């Protein structure tokens, strides 16, 4: 003889709903983490490309090279996955701004600025 509890049939399948909700929360957290990692990675690439582009441009400024420092900086930024957004030369200093695209769709691009040249606090300058 089977004994039935009143109302037990109404809770049938509720675990499935909870599991689906848990999977949704995990997917939402995973998407957020991947978006954040993509932004951080693009930021690091932009900073590295800006630093290297500024150093390459400064090397042209202090050497006997006849190339334009901003052209050299743009080429170095491009080889490092970025694009030169701005370049300013003042004496022996060069300041560059570089943008690199993020790999996650819809994030836009990360931007970084770097300056290279002699130490401004150096008295022998």
PDB file of N, CA and C in Angstrom:
ATOM      1  N   UNK A   1       0.833  -1.153   0.000  1.00  0.00           N
ATOM      2  CA  UNK A   1       0.000   0.000   0.000  1.00  0.00           C
ATOM      3  C   UNK A   1       0.894   1.237   0.000  1.00  0.00           C
ATOM      4  N   UNK A   2       0.639   2.114  -0.943  1.00  0.00           N
ATOM      5  CA  UNK A   2       1.440   3.314  -1.101  1.00  0.00           C
ATOM      6  C   UNK A   2       0.850   4.442  -0.292  1.00  0.00           C
ATOM      7  N   UNK A   3       1.724   5.145   0.340  1.00  0.00           N
ATOM      8  CA  UNK A   3       1.304   6.270   1.171  1.00  0.00           C
ATOM      9  C   UNK A   3       1.690   7.545   0.452  1.00  0.00           C
ATOM     10  N   UNK A   4       0.747   8.433   0.220  1.00  0.00           N
ATOM     11  CA  UNK A   4       1.007   9.701  -0.474  1.00  0.00           C
ATOM     12  C   UNK A   4       0.919  10.851   0.484  1.00  0.00           C
ATOM     13  N   UNK A   5       1.903  11.752   0.375  1.00  0.00           N
ATOM     14  CA  UNK A   5       1.910  12.947   1.203  1.00  0.00           C
ATOM     15  C   UNK A   5       1.235  14.063   0.416  1.00  0.00           C
ATOM     16  N   UNK A   6       0.389  14.775   1.054  1.00  0.00           N
ATOM     17  CA  UNK A   6      -0.321  15.849   0.375  1.00  0.00           C
ATOM     18  C   UNK A   6       0.639  16.956  -0.029  1.00  0.00           C
ATOM     19  N   UNK A   7       0.590  17.397  -1.283  1.00  0.00           N
ATOM     20  CA  UNK A   7       1.424  18.490  -1.776  1.00  0.00           C
ATOM     21  C   UNK A   7       2.773  18.054  -2.298  1.00  0.00           C
ATOM     22  N   UNK A   8       3.142  16.779  -2.216  1.00  0.00           N
ATOM     23  CA  UNK A   8       4.455  16.316  -2.658  1.00  0.00           C
ATOM     24  C   UNK A   8       4.602  16.406  -4.164  1.00  0.00           C
ATOM     25  N   UNK A   9       3.553  16.291  -4.906  1.00  0.00           N
ATOM     26  CA  UNK A   9       3.614  16.341  -6.362  1.00  0.00           C
ATOM     27  C   UNK A   9       3.915  17.734  -6.889  1.00  0.00           C
ATOM     28  N   UNK A  10       3.599  18.753  -6.136  1.00  0.00           N
ATOM     29  CA  UNK A  10       3.834  20.118  -6.605  1.00  0.00           C
ATOM     30  C   UNK A  10       5.308  20.493  -6.583  1.00  0.00           C
ATOM     31  N   UNK A  11       6.124  19.854  -5.789  1.00  0.00           N
ATOM     32  CA  UNK A  11       7.554  20.178  -5.702  1.00  0.00           C
ATOM     33  C   UNK A  11       8.394  19.367  -6.673  1.00  0.00           C
ATOM     34  N   UNK A  12       7.757  18.533  -7.438  1.00  0.00           N
ATOM     35  CA  UNK A  12       8.469  17.697  -8.391  1.00  0.00           C
ATOM     36  C   UNK A  12       9.075  18.596  -9.475  1.00  0.00           C
ATOM     37  N   UNK A  13      10.377  18.453  -9.722  1.00  0.00           N
ATOM     38  CA  UNK A  13      11.071  19.238 -10.743  1.00  0.00           C
ATOM     39  C   UNK A  13      11.664  20.536 -10.226  1.00  0.00           C
ATOM     40  N   UNK A  14      11.501  20.833  -8.968  1.00  0.00           N
ATOM     41  CA  UNK A  14      12.054  22.088  -8.450  1.00  0.00           C
ATOM     42  C   UNK A  14      13.579  22.055  -8.407  1.00  0.00           C
ATOM     43  N   UNK A  15      14.164  20.906  -8.264  1.00  0.00           N
ATOM     44  CA  UNK A  15      15.627  20.805  -8.274  1.00  0.00           C
ATOM     45  C   UNK A  15      16.173  21.168  -9.652  1.00  0.00           C
ATOM     46  N   UNK A  16      15.438  20.836 -10.696  1.00  0.00           N
ATOM     47  CA  UNK A  16      15.861  21.173 -12.052  1.00  0.00           C
ATOM     48  C   UNK A  16      15.925  22.689 -12.226  1.00  0.00           C
ATOM     49  N   UNK A  17      14.938  23.368 -11.706  1.00  0.00           N
ATOM     50  CA  UNK A  17      14.925  24.830 -11.795  1.00  0.00           C
ATOM     51  C   UNK A  17      16.100  25.414 -11.026  1.00  0.00           C
ATOM     52  N   UNK A  18      16.398  24.886  -9.861  1.00  0.00           N
ATOM     53  CA  UNK A  18      17.532  25.385  -9.080  1.00  0.00           C
ATOM     54  C   UNK A  18      18.858  25.130  -9.788  1.00  0.00           C
ATOM     55  N   UNK A  19      19.003  23.975 -10.417  1.00  0.00           N
ATOM     56  CA  UNK A  19      20.242  23.661 -11.141  1.00  0.00           C
ATOM     57  C   UNK A  19      20.396  24.586 -12.346  1.00  0.00           C
ATOM     58  N   UNK A  20      19.311  24.841 -13.072  1.00  0.00           N
ATOM     59  CA  UNK A  20      19.370  25.748 -14.219  1.00  0.00           C
ATOM     60  C   UNK A  20      19.745  27.160 -13.763  1.00  0.00           C
ATOM     61  N   UNK A  21      19.183  27.605 -12.642  1.00  0.00           N
ATOM     62  CA  UNK A  21      19.537  28.919 -12.106  1.00  0.00           C
ATOM     63  C   UNK A  21      21.002  28.956 -11.686  1.00  0.00           C
ATOM     64  N   UNK A  22      21.500  27.906 -11.073  1.00  0.00           N
ATOM     65  CA  UNK A  22      22.903  27.854 -10.664  1.00  0.00           C
ATOM     66  C   UNK A  22      23.825  27.904 -11.874  1.00  0.00           C
ATOM     67  N   UNK A  23      23.467  27.196 -12.930  1.00  0.00           N
ATOM     68  CA  UNK A  23      24.266  27.227 -14.160  1.00  0.00           C
ATOM     69  C   UNK A  23      24.263  28.633 -14.745  1.00  0.00           C
ATOM     70  N   UNK A  24      23.124  29.301 -14.706  1.00  0.00           N
ATOM     71  CA  UNK A  24      23.036  30.679 -15.197  1.00  0.00           C
ATOM     72  C   UNK A  24      23.937  31.626 -14.419  1.00  0.00           C
ATOM     73  N   UNK A  25      23.959  31.465 -13.106  1.00  0.00           N
ATOM     74  CA  UNK A  25      24.817  32.310 -12.271  1.00  0.00           C
ATOM     75  C   UNK A  25      26.289  32.047 -12.579  1.00  0.00           C
ATOM     76  N   UNK A  26      26.653  30.790 -12.749  1.00  0.00           N
ATOM     77  CA  UNK A  26      28.038  30.448 -13.072  1.00  0.00           C
ATOM     78  C   UNK A  26      28.427  31.036 -14.432  1.00  0.00           C
ATOM     79  N   UNK A  27      27.533  30.941 -15.417  1.00  0.00           N
ATOM     80  CA  UNK A  27      27.830  31.510 -16.729  1.00  0.00           C
ATOM     81  C   UNK A  27      27.946  33.029 -16.676  1.00  0.00           C
ATOM     82  N   UNK A  28      27.121  33.663 -15.884  1.00  0.00           N
ATOM     83  CA  UNK A  28      27.194  35.114 -15.724  1.00  0.00           C
ATOM     84  C   UNK A  28      28.518  35.523 -15.085  1.00  0.00           C
ATOM     85  N   UNK A  29      28.939  34.813 -14.063  1.00  0.00           N
ATOM     86  CA  UNK A  29      30.226  35.100 -13.413  1.00  0.00           C
ATOM     87  C   UNK A  29      31.391  34.844 -14.364  1.00  0.00           C
ATOM     88  N   UNK A  30      31.311  33.776 -15.146  1.00  0.00           N
ATOM     89  CA  UNK A  30      32.367  33.457 -16.103  1.00  0.00           C
ATOM     90  C   UNK A  30      32.473  34.542 -17.175  1.00  0.00           C
ATOM     91  N   UNK A  31      31.338  35.020 -17.668  1.00  0.00           N
ATOM     92  CA  UNK A  31      31.346  36.086 -18.667  1.00  0.00           C
ATOM     93  C   UNK A  31      31.952  37.361 -18.089  1.00  0.00           C
ATOM     94  N   UNK A  32      31.600  37.693 -16.866  1.00  0.00           N
ATOM     95  CA  UNK A  32      32.178  38.872 -16.221  1.00  0.00           C
ATOM     96  C   UNK A  32      33.678  38.741 -16.041  1.00  0.00           C
ATOM     97  N   UNK A  33      34.125  37.565 -15.635  1.00  0.00           N
ATOM     98  CA  UNK A  33      35.561  37.348 -15.435  1.00  0.00           C
ATOM     99  C   UNK A  33      36.319  37.434 -16.764  1.00  0.00           C
ATOM    100  N   UNK A  34      35.762  36.862 -17.820  1.00  0.00           N
ATOM    101  CA  UNK A  34      36.427  36.925 -19.122  1.00  0.00           C
ATOM    102  C   UNK A  34      36.478  38.355 -19.655  1.00  0.00           C
ATOM    103  N   UNK A  35      35.437  39.121 -19.421  1.00  0.00           N
ATOM    104  CA  UNK A  35      35.432  40.525 -19.833  1.00  0.00           C
ATOM    105  C   UNK A  35      36.514  41.307 -19.089  1.00  0.00           C
ATOM    106  N   UNK A  36      36.596  41.094 -17.795  1.00  0.00           N
ATOM    107  CA  UNK A  36      37.611  41.770 -16.984  1.00  0.00           C
ATOM    108  C   UNK A  36      39.020  41.372 -17.417  1.00  0.00           C
ATOM    109  N   UNK A  37      39.243  40.101 -17.642  1.00  0.00           N
ATOM    110  CA  UNK A  37      40.568  39.642 -18.076  1.00  0.00           C
ATOM    111  C   UNK A  37      40.950  40.223 -19.435  1.00  0.00           C
ATOM    112  N   UNK A  38      39.986  40.339 -20.330  1.00  0.00           N
ATOM    113  CA  UNK A  38      40.267  40.923 -21.638  1.00  0.00           C
ATOM    114  C   UNK A  38      40.667  42.388 -21.505  1.00  0.00           C
ATOM    115  N   UNK A  39      39.982  43.112 -20.645  1.00  0.00           N
ATOM    116  CA  UNK A  39      40.305  44.529 -20.436  1.00  0.00           C
ATOM    117  C   UNK A  39      41.690  44.693 -19.812  1.00  0.00           C
ATOM    118  N   UNK A  40      42.007  43.858 -18.841  1.00  0.00           N
ATOM    119  CA  UNK A  40      43.317  43.929 -18.187  1.00  0.00           C
ATOM    120  C   UNK A  40      44.427  43.580 -19.181  1.00  0.00           C
ATOM    121  N   UNK A  41      44.199  42.557 -19.979  1.00  0.00           N
ATOM    122  CA  UNK A  41      45.200  42.149 -20.962  1.00  0.00           C
ATOM    123  C   UNK A  41      45.434  43.257 -21.995  1.00  0.00           C
ATOM    124  N   UNK A  42      44.370  43.895 -22.464  1.00  0.00           N
ATOM    125  CA  UNK A  42      44.510  44.991 -23.420  1.00  0.00           C
ATOM    126  C   UNK A  42      45.256  46.165 -22.788  1.00  0.00           C
ATOM    127  N   UNK A  43      44.992  46.430 -21.520  1.00  0.00           N
ATOM    128  CA  UNK A  43      45.685  47.512 -20.822  1.00  0.00           C
ATOM    129  C   UNK A  43      47.180  47.232 -20.722  1.00  0.00           C
ATOM    130  N   UNK A  44      47.540  46.009 -20.402  1.00  0.00           N
ATOM    131  CA  UNK A  44      48.959  45.645 -20.304  1.00  0.00           C
ATOM    132  C   UNK A  44      49.638  45.756 -21.665  1.00  0.00           C
ATOM    133  N   UNK A  45      48.955  45.293 -22.720  1.00  0.00           N
ATOM    134  CA  UNK A  45      49.526  45.388 -24.063  1.00  0.00           C
ATOM    135  C   UNK A  45      49.713  46.847 -24.460  1.00  0.00           C
ATOM    136  N   UNK A  46      48.738  47.701 -24.124  1.00  0.00           N
ATOM    137  CA  UNK A  46      48.842  49.123 -24.474  1.00  0.00           C
ATOM    138  C   UNK A  46      50.008  49.773 -23.749  1.00  0.00           C
ATOM    139  N   UNK A  47      50.178  49.459 -22.464  1.00  0.00           N
ATOM    140  CA  UNK A  47      51.294  50.049 -21.713  1.00  0.00           C
ATOM    141  C   UNK A  47      52.643  49.588 -22.249  1.00  0.00           C
ATOM    142  N   UNK A  48      52.739  48.311 -22.567  1.00  0.00           N
ATOM    143  CA  UNK A  48      54.004  47.794 -23.106  1.00  0.00           C
ATOM    144  C   UNK A  48      54.303  48.412 -24.471  1.00  0.00           C
ATOM    145  N   UNK A  49      53.300  48.513 -25.330  1.00  0.00           N
ATOM    146  CA  UNK A  49      53.506  49.100 -26.657  1.00  0.00           C
ATOM    147  C   UNK A  49      53.884  50.578 -26.539  1.00  0.00           C
ATOM    148  N   UNK A  50      53.254  51.305 -25.618  1.00  0.00           N
ATOM    149  CA  UNK A  50      53.585  52.720 -25.437  1.00  0.00           C
ATOM    150  C   UNK A  50      55.004  52.892 -24.911  1.00  0.00           C
ATOM    151  N   UNK A  51      55.385  52.082 -23.937  1.00  0.00           N
ATOM    152  CA  UNK A  51      56.749  52.171 -23.400  1.00  0.00           C
ATOM    153  C   UNK A  51      57.792  51.898 -24.476  1.00  0.00           C
ATOM    154  N   UNK A  52      57.587  50.827 -25.235  1.00  0.00           N
ATOM    155  CA  UNK A  52      58.558  50.477 -26.272  1.00  0.00           C
ATOM    156  C   UNK A  52      58.586  51.515 -27.391  1.00  0.00           C
ATOM    157  N   UNK A  53      57.426  52.049 -27.759  1.00  0.00           N
ATOM    158  CA  UNK A  53      57.380  53.073 -28.804  1.00  0.00           C
ATOM    159  C   UNK A  53      58.088  54.339 -28.346  1.00  0.00           C
ATOM    160  N   UNK A  54      57.891  54.745 -27.104  1.00  0.00           N
ATOM    161  CA  UNK A  54      58.566  55.941 -26.591  1.00  0.00           C
ATOM    162  C   UNK A  54      60.077  55.743 -26.544  1.00  0.00           C
ATOM    163  N   UNK A  55      60.510  54.573 -26.108  1.00  0.00           N
ATOM    164  CA  UNK A  55      61.953  54.310 -26.071  1.00  0.00           C
ATOM    165  C   UNK A  55      62.569  54.303 -27.468  1.00  0.00           C
ATOM    166  N   UNK A  56      61.860  53.729 -28.427  1.00  0.00           N
ATOM    167  CA  UNK A  56      62.380  53.708 -29.801  1.00  0.00           C
ATOM    168  C   UNK A  56      62.445  55.122 -30.374  1.00  0.00           C
ATOM    169  N   UNK A  57      61.420  55.926 -30.104  1.00  0.00           N
ATOM    170  CA  UNK A  57      61.441  57.310 -30.574  1.00  0.00           C
ATOM    171  C   UNK A  57      62.547  58.120 -29.921  1.00  0.00           C
ATOM    172  N   UNK A  58      62.764  57.915 -28.630  1.00  0.00           N
ATOM    173  CA  UNK A  58      63.834  58.631 -27.928  1.00  0.00           C
ATOM    174  C   UNK A  58      65.203  58.213 -28.449  1.00  0.00           C
ATOM    175  N   UNK A  59      65.350  56.965 -28.798  1.00  0.00           N
ATOM    176  CA  UNK A  59      66.621  56.488 -29.361  1.00  0.00           C
ATOM    177  C   UNK A  59      66.926  57.209 -30.666  1.00  0.00           C
ATOM    178  N   UNK A  60      65.908  57.432 -31.477  1.00  0.00           N
ATOM    179  CA  UNK A  60      66.102  58.165 -32.733  1.00  0.00           C
ATOM    180  C   UNK A  60      66.488  59.620 -32.443  1.00  0.00           C
ATOM    181  N   UNK A  61      65.881  60.201 -31.406  1.00  0.00           N
ATOM    182  CA  UNK A  61      66.182  61.602 -31.067  1.00  0.00           C
ATOM    183  C   UNK A  61      67.634  61.815 -30.668  1.00  0.00           C
ATOM    184  N   UNK A  62      68.192  60.898 -29.904  1.00  0.00           N
ATOM    185  CA  UNK A  62      69.545  61.094 -29.385  1.00  0.00           C
ATOM    186  C   UNK A  62      70.623  60.490 -30.280  1.00  0.00           C
ATOM    187  N   UNK A  63      70.238  59.783 -31.317  1.00  0.00           N
ATOM    188  CA  UNK A  63      71.226  59.191 -32.216  1.00  0.00           C
ATOM    189  C   UNK A  63      71.326  60.025 -33.489  1.00  0.00           C
ATOM    190  N   UNK A  64      72.185  59.614 -34.380  1.00  0.00           N
ATOM    191  CA  UNK A  64      72.372  60.319 -35.652  1.00  0.00           C
ATOM    192  C   UNK A  64      71.391  59.812 -36.708  1.00  0.00           C
ATOM    193  N   UNK A  65      70.344  59.125 -36.280  1.00  0.00           N
ATOM    194  CA  UNK A  65      69.350  58.585 -37.195  1.00  0.00           C
ATOM    195  C   UNK A  65      68.553  59.731 -37.824  1.00  0.00           C
ATOM    196  N   UNK A  66      68.290  59.635 -39.121  1.00  0.00           N
ATOM    197  CA  UNK A  66      67.579  60.708 -39.820  1.00  0.00           C
ATOM    198  C   UNK A  66      66.076  60.463 -39.908  1.00  0.00           C
ATOM    199  N   UNK A  67      65.612  59.335 -39.417  1.00  0.00           N
ATOM    200  CA  UNK A  67      64.177  59.043 -39.468  1.00  0.00           C
ATOM    201  C   UNK A  67      63.425  59.918 -38.464  1.00  0.00           C
ATOM    202  N   UNK A  68      62.150  60.103 -38.726  1.00  0.00           N
ATOM    203  CA  UNK A  68      61.310  60.874 -37.803  1.00  0.00           C
ATOM    204  C   UNK A  68      60.999  60.015 -36.581  1.00  0.00           C
ATOM    205  N   UNK A  69      61.176  60.542 -35.376  1.00  0.00           N
ATOM    206  CA  UNK A  69      60.956  59.732 -34.170  1.00  0.00           C
ATOM    207  C   UNK A  69      59.514  59.233 -34.045  1.00  0.00           C
ATOM    208  N   UNK A  70      58.553  60.025 -34.484  1.00  0.00           N
ATOM    209  CA  UNK A  70      57.156  59.586 -34.387  1.00  0.00           C
ATOM    210  C   UNK A  70      56.853  58.452 -35.368  1.00  0.00           C
ATOM    211  N   UNK A  71      57.531  58.452 -36.517  1.00  0.00           N
ATOM    212  CA  UNK A  71      57.346  57.354 -37.462  1.00  0.00           C
ATOM    213  C   UNK A  71      57.908  56.053 -36.890  1.00  0.00           C
ATOM    214  N   UNK A  72      59.060  56.150 -36.259  1.00  0.00           N
ATOM    215  CA  UNK A  72      59.662  54.968 -35.630  1.00  0.00           C
ATOM    216  C   UNK A  72      58.775  54.480 -34.489  1.00  0.00           C
ATOM    217  N   UNK A  73      58.264  55.407 -33.686  1.00  0.00           N
ATOM    218  CA  UNK A  73      57.380  55.042 -32.580  1.00  0.00           C
ATOM    219  C   UNK A  73      56.114  54.366 -33.095  1.00  0.00           C
ATOM    220  N   UNK A  74      55.563  54.865 -34.197  1.00  0.00           N
ATOM    221  CA  UNK A  74      54.357  54.252 -34.774  1.00  0.00           C
ATOM    222  C   UNK A  74      54.640  52.840 -35.257  1.00  0.00           C
ATOM    223  N   UNK A  75      55.801  52.630 -35.866  1.00  0.00           N
ATOM    224  CA  UNK A  75      56.147  51.291 -36.350  1.00  0.00           C
ATOM    225  C   UNK A  75      56.324  50.313 -35.187  1.00  0.00           C
ATOM    226  N   UNK A  76      56.960  50.758 -34.114  1.00  0.00           N
ATOM    227  CA  UNK A  76      57.163  49.894 -32.951  1.00  0.00           C
ATOM    228  C   UNK A  76      55.827  49.586 -32.273  1.00  0.00           C
ATOM    229  N   UNK A  77      54.973  50.579 -32.168  1.00  0.00           N
ATOM    230  CA  UNK A  77      53.647  50.355 -31.568  1.00  0.00           C
ATOM    231  C   UNK A  77      52.854  49.347 -32.398  1.00  0.00           C
ATOM    232  N   UNK A  78      52.919  49.462 -33.708  1.00  0.00           N
ATOM    233  CA  UNK A  78      52.199  48.528 -34.581  1.00  0.00           C
ATOM    234  C   UNK A  78      52.736  47.112 -34.448  1.00  0.00           C
ATOM    235  N   UNK A  79      54.054  46.972 -34.327  1.00  0.00           N
ATOM    236  CA  UNK A  79      54.636  45.628 -34.159  1.00  0.00           C
ATOM    237  C   UNK A  79      54.246  45.002 -32.830  1.00  0.00           C
ATOM    238  N   UNK A  80      53.814  45.826 -31.883  1.00  0.00           N
ATOM    239  CA  UNK A  80      53.405  45.318 -30.575  1.00  0.00           C
ATOM    240  C   UNK A  80      51.881  45.292 -30.410  1.00  0.00           C
ATOM    241  N   UNK A  81      51.158  45.340 -31.513  1.00  0.00           N
ATOM    242  CA  UNK A  81      49.714  45.189 -31.479  1.00  0.00           C
ATOM    243  C   UNK A  81      48.939  46.439 -31.165  1.00  0.00           C
ATOM    244  N   UNK A  82      49.577  47.588 -31.221  1.00  0.00           N
ATOM    245  CA  UNK A  82      48.885  48.842 -30.924  1.00  0.00           C
ATOM    246  C   UNK A  82      48.916  49.782 -32.103  1.00  0.00           C
ATOM    247  N   UNK A  83      48.278  50.915 -31.934  1.00  0.00           N
ATOM    248  CA  UNK A  83      48.342  51.965 -32.954  1.00  0.00           C
ATOM    249  C   UNK A  83      48.657  53.277 -32.258  1.00  0.00           C
ATOM    250  N   UNK A  84      49.510  54.057 -32.887  1.00  0.00           N
ATOM    251  CA  UNK A  84      49.918  55.334 -32.318  1.00  0.00           C
ATOM    252  C   UNK A  84      48.767  56.327 -32.460  1.00  0.00           C
ATOM    253  N   UNK A  85      48.307  56.852 -31.340  1.00  0.00           N
ATOM    254  CA  UNK A  85      47.196  57.805 -31.328  1.00  0.00           C
ATOM    255  C   UNK A  85      47.726  59.231 -31.269  1.00  0.00           C
ATOM    256  N   UNK A  86      48.848  59.424 -30.602  1.00  0.00           N
ATOM    257  CA  UNK A  86      49.428  60.755 -30.495  1.00  0.00           C
ATOM    258  C   UNK A  86      50.923  60.677 -30.264  1.00  0.00           C
ATOM    259  N   UNK A  87      51.610  61.705 -30.722  1.00  0.00           N
ATOM    260  CA  UNK A  87      53.062  61.750 -30.554  1.00  0.00           C
ATOM    261  C   UNK A  87      53.481  63.216 -30.471  1.00  0.00           C
ATOM    262  N   UNK A  88      54.274  63.536 -29.459  1.00  0.00           N
ATOM    263  CA  UNK A  88      54.757  64.903 -29.292  1.00  0.00           C
ATOM    264  C   UNK A  88      56.241  64.858 -28.941  1.00  0.00           C
ATOM    265  N   UNK A  89      57.021  65.682 -29.642  1.00  0.00           N
ATOM    266  CA  UNK A  89      58.456  65.774 -29.393  1.00  0.00           C
ATOM    267  C   UNK A  89      58.753  67.160 -28.840  1.00  0.00           C
ATOM    268  N   UNK A  90      59.462  67.187 -27.711  1.00  0.00           N
ATOM    269  CA  UNK A  90      59.866  68.452 -27.095  1.00  0.00           C
ATOM    270  C   UNK A  90      61.313  68.315 -26.663  1.00  0.00           C
ATOM    271  N   UNK A  91      62.216  68.866 -27.458  1.00  0.00           N
ATOM    272  CA  UNK A  91      63.640  68.741 -27.155  1.00  0.00           C
ATOM    273  C   UNK A  91      64.091  67.295 -27.312  1.00  0.00           C
ATOM    274  N   UNK A  92      64.639  66.745 -26.225  1.00  0.00           N
ATOM    275  CA  UNK A  92      65.069  65.350 -26.247  1.00  0.00           C
ATOM    276  C   UNK A  92      63.995  64.404 -25.715  1.00  0.00           C
ATOM    277  N   UNK A  93      62.811  64.928 -25.405  1.00  0.00           N
ATOM    278  CA  UNK A  93      61.716  64.118 -24.874  1.00  0.00           C
ATOM    279  C   UNK A  93      60.721  63.770 -25.966  1.00  0.00           C
ATOM    280  N   UNK A  94      60.154  62.588 -25.852  1.00  0.00           N
ATOM    281  CA  UNK A  94      59.074  62.184 -26.738  1.00  0.00           C
ATOM    282  C   UNK A  94      57.959  61.592 -25.870  1.00  0.00           C
ATOM    283  N   UNK A  95      56.746  61.998 -26.150  1.00  0.00           N
ATOM    284  CA  UNK A  95      55.581  61.477 -25.449  1.00  0.00           C
ATOM    285  C   UNK A  95      54.668  60.850 -26.487  1.00  0.00           C
ATOM    286  N   UNK A  96      54.285  59.606 -26.253  1.00  0.00           N
ATOM    287  CA  UNK A  96      53.415  58.889 -27.196  1.00  0.00           C
ATOM    288  C   UNK A  96      52.158  58.417 -26.473  1.00  0.00           C
ATOM    289  N   UNK A  97      51.087  58.310 -27.245  1.00  0.00           N
ATOM    290  CA  UNK A  97      49.843  57.715 -26.768  1.00  0.00           C
ATOM    291  C   UNK A  97      49.513  56.577 -27.716  1.00  0.00           C
ATOM    292  N   UNK A  98      49.227  55.408 -27.155  1.00  0.00           N
ATOM    293  CA  UNK A  98      48.989  54.200 -27.940  1.00  0.00           C
ATOM    294  C   UNK A  98      47.650  53.602 -27.540  1.00  0.00           C
ATOM    295  N   UNK A  99      46.946  53.031 -28.510  1.00  0.00           N
ATOM    296  CA  UNK A  99      45.688  52.330 -28.253  1.00  0.00           C
ATOM    297  C   UNK A  99      45.814  50.898 -28.764  1.00  0.00           C
ATOM    298  N   UNK A 100      45.295  49.952 -27.994  1.00  0.00           N
ATOM    299  CA  UNK A 100      45.246  48.552 -28.426  1.00  0.00           C
ATOM    300  C   UNK A 100      43.823  48.046 -28.244  1.00  0.00           C
ATOM    301  N   UNK A 101      43.321  47.277 -29.200  1.00  0.00           N
ATOM    302  CA  UNK A 101      41.957  46.772 -29.086  1.00  0.00           C
ATOM    303  C   UNK A 101      41.868  45.644 -28.064  1.00  0.00           C
ATOM    304  N   UNK A 102      40.730  45.577 -27.395  1.00  0.00           N
ATOM    305  CA  UNK A 102      40.479  44.469 -26.471  1.00  0.00           C
ATOM    306  C   UNK A 102      39.953  43.288 -27.269  1.00  0.00           C
ATOM    307  N   UNK A 103      40.222  42.092 -26.804  1.00  0.00           N
ATOM    308  CA  UNK A 103      39.785  40.910 -27.536  1.00  0.00           C
ATOM    309  C   UNK A 103      38.316  40.586 -27.302  1.00  0.00           C
ATOM    310  N   UNK A 104      37.715  41.120 -26.245  1.00  0.00           N
ATOM    311  CA  UNK A 104      36.302  40.870 -25.963  1.00  0.00           C
ATOM    312  C   UNK A 104      35.462  41.889 -26.734  1.00  0.00           C
ATOM    313  N   UNK A 105      34.433  41.437 -27.439  1.00  0.00           N
ATOM    314  CA  UNK A 105      33.644  42.377 -28.250  1.00  0.00           C
ATOM    315  C   UNK A 105      32.922  43.421 -27.395  1.00  0.00           C
ATOM    316  N   UNK A 106      32.913  44.628 -27.895  1.00  0.00           N
ATOM    317  CA  UNK A 106      32.203  45.704 -27.235  1.00  0.00           C
ATOM    318  C   UNK A 106      32.990  46.472 -26.184  1.00  0.00           C
ATOM    319  N   UNK A 107      34.205  46.075 -25.909  1.00  0.00           N
ATOM    320  CA  UNK A 107      34.990  46.767 -24.878  1.00  0.00           C
ATOM    321  C   UNK A 107      35.708  48.004 -25.394  1.00  0.00           C
ATOM    322  N   UNK A 108      35.907  48.095 -26.679  1.00  0.00           N
ATOM    323  CA  UNK A 108      36.657  49.236 -27.197  1.00  0.00           C
ATOM    324  C   UNK A 108      38.150  48.982 -27.100  1.00  0.00           C
ATOM    325  N   UNK A 109      38.906  50.034 -26.945  1.00  0.00           N
ATOM    326  CA  UNK A 109      40.355  49.870 -26.910  1.00  0.00           C
ATOM    327  C   UNK A 109      40.919  50.436 -25.614  1.00  0.00           C
ATOM    328  N   UNK A 110      42.059  49.878 -25.233  1.00  0.00           N
ATOM    329  CA  UNK A 110      42.784  50.371 -24.057  1.00  0.00           C
ATOM    330  C   UNK A 110      43.804  51.385 -24.548  1.00  0.00           C
ATOM    331  N   UNK A 111      44.004  52.433 -23.772  1.00  0.00           N
ATOM    332  CA  UNK A 111      44.951  53.483 -24.152  1.00  0.00           C
ATOM    333  C   UNK A 111      46.006  53.646 -23.065  1.00  0.00           C
ATOM    334  N   UNK A 112      47.206  53.986 -23.524  1.00  0.00           N
ATOM    335  CA  UNK A 112      48.305  54.210 -22.585  1.00  0.00           C
ATOM    336  C   UNK A 112      49.173  55.348 -23.106  1.00  0.00           C
ATOM    337  N   UNK A 113      49.846  56.012 -22.177  1.00  0.00           N
ATOM    338  CA  UNK A 113      50.735  57.131 -22.504  1.00  0.00           C
ATOM    339  C   UNK A 113      52.102  56.834 -21.904  1.00  0.00           C
ATOM    340  N   UNK A 114      53.146  57.181 -22.641  1.00  0.00           N
ATOM    341  CA  UNK A 114      54.508  56.976 -22.133  1.00  0.00           C
ATOM    342  C   UNK A 114      55.396  58.120 -22.604  1.00  0.00           C
ATOM    343  N   UNK A 115      56.378  58.451 -21.773  1.00  0.00           N
ATOM    344  CA  UNK A 115      57.353  59.487 -22.102  1.00  0.00           C
ATOM    345  C   UNK A 115      58.738  58.886 -21.975  1.00  0.00           C
ATOM    346  N   UNK A 116      59.606  59.267 -22.875  1.00  0.00           N
ATOM    347  CA  UNK A 116      60.996  58.819 -22.790  1.00  0.00           C
ATOM    348  C   UNK A 116      61.894  60.005 -23.115  1.00  0.00           C
ATOM    349  N   UNK A 117      62.994  60.057 -22.448  1.00  0.00           N
ATOM    350  CA  UNK A 117      63.965  61.130 -22.634  1.00  0.00           C
ATOM    351  C   UNK A 117      64.827  61.227 -21.401  1.00  0.00           C
ATOM    352  N   UNK A 118      65.666  62.216 -21.340  1.00  0.00           N
ATOM    353  CA  UNK A 118      66.530  62.383 -20.175  1.00  0.00           C
ATOM    354  C   UNK A 118      65.713  62.639 -18.908  1.00  0.00           C
ATOM    355  N   UNK A 119      66.286  62.327 -17.788  1.00  0.00           N
ATOM    356  CA  UNK A 119      65.640  62.543 -16.495  1.00  0.00           C
ATOM    357  C   UNK A 119      65.460  64.042 -16.272  1.00  0.00           C
ATOM    358  N   UNK A 120      64.215  64.504 -16.034  1.00  0.00           N
ATOM    359  CA  UNK A 120      64.009  65.940 -15.846  1.00  0.00           C
ATOM    360  C   UNK A 120      64.680  66.486 -14.585  1.00  0.00           C
ATOM    361  N   UNK A 121      64.967  65.637 -13.612  1.00  0.00           N
ATOM    362  CA  UNK A 121      65.623  66.091 -12.382  1.00  0.00           C
ATOM    363  C   UNK A 121      67.135  65.995 -12.449  1.00  0.00           C
ATOM    364  N   UNK A 122      67.694  65.568 -13.569  1.00  0.00           N
ATOM    365  CA  UNK A 122      69.134  65.406 -13.710  1.00  0.00           C
ATOM    366  C   UNK A 122      69.785  66.779 -13.904  1.00  0.00           C
ATOM    367  N   UNK A 123      70.691  67.197 -13.012  1.00  0.00           N
ATOM    368  CA  UNK A 123      71.303  68.530 -13.116  1.00  0.00           C
ATOM    369  C   UNK A 123      72.261  68.652 -14.315  1.00  0.00           C
ATOM    370  N   UNK A 124      72.728  67.550 -14.872  1.00  0.00           N
ATOM    371  CA  UNK A 124      73.653  67.631 -16.010  1.00  0.00           C
ATOM    372  C   UNK A 124      72.918  67.811 -17.335  1.00  0.00           C
ATOM    373  N   UNK A 125      71.602  67.907 -17.277  1.00  0.00           N
ATOM    374  CA  UNK A 125      70.818  68.015 -18.502  1.00  0.00           C
ATOM    375  C   UNK A 125      71.014  69.329 -19.172  1.00  0.00           C
TER     376      UNK A 125
END
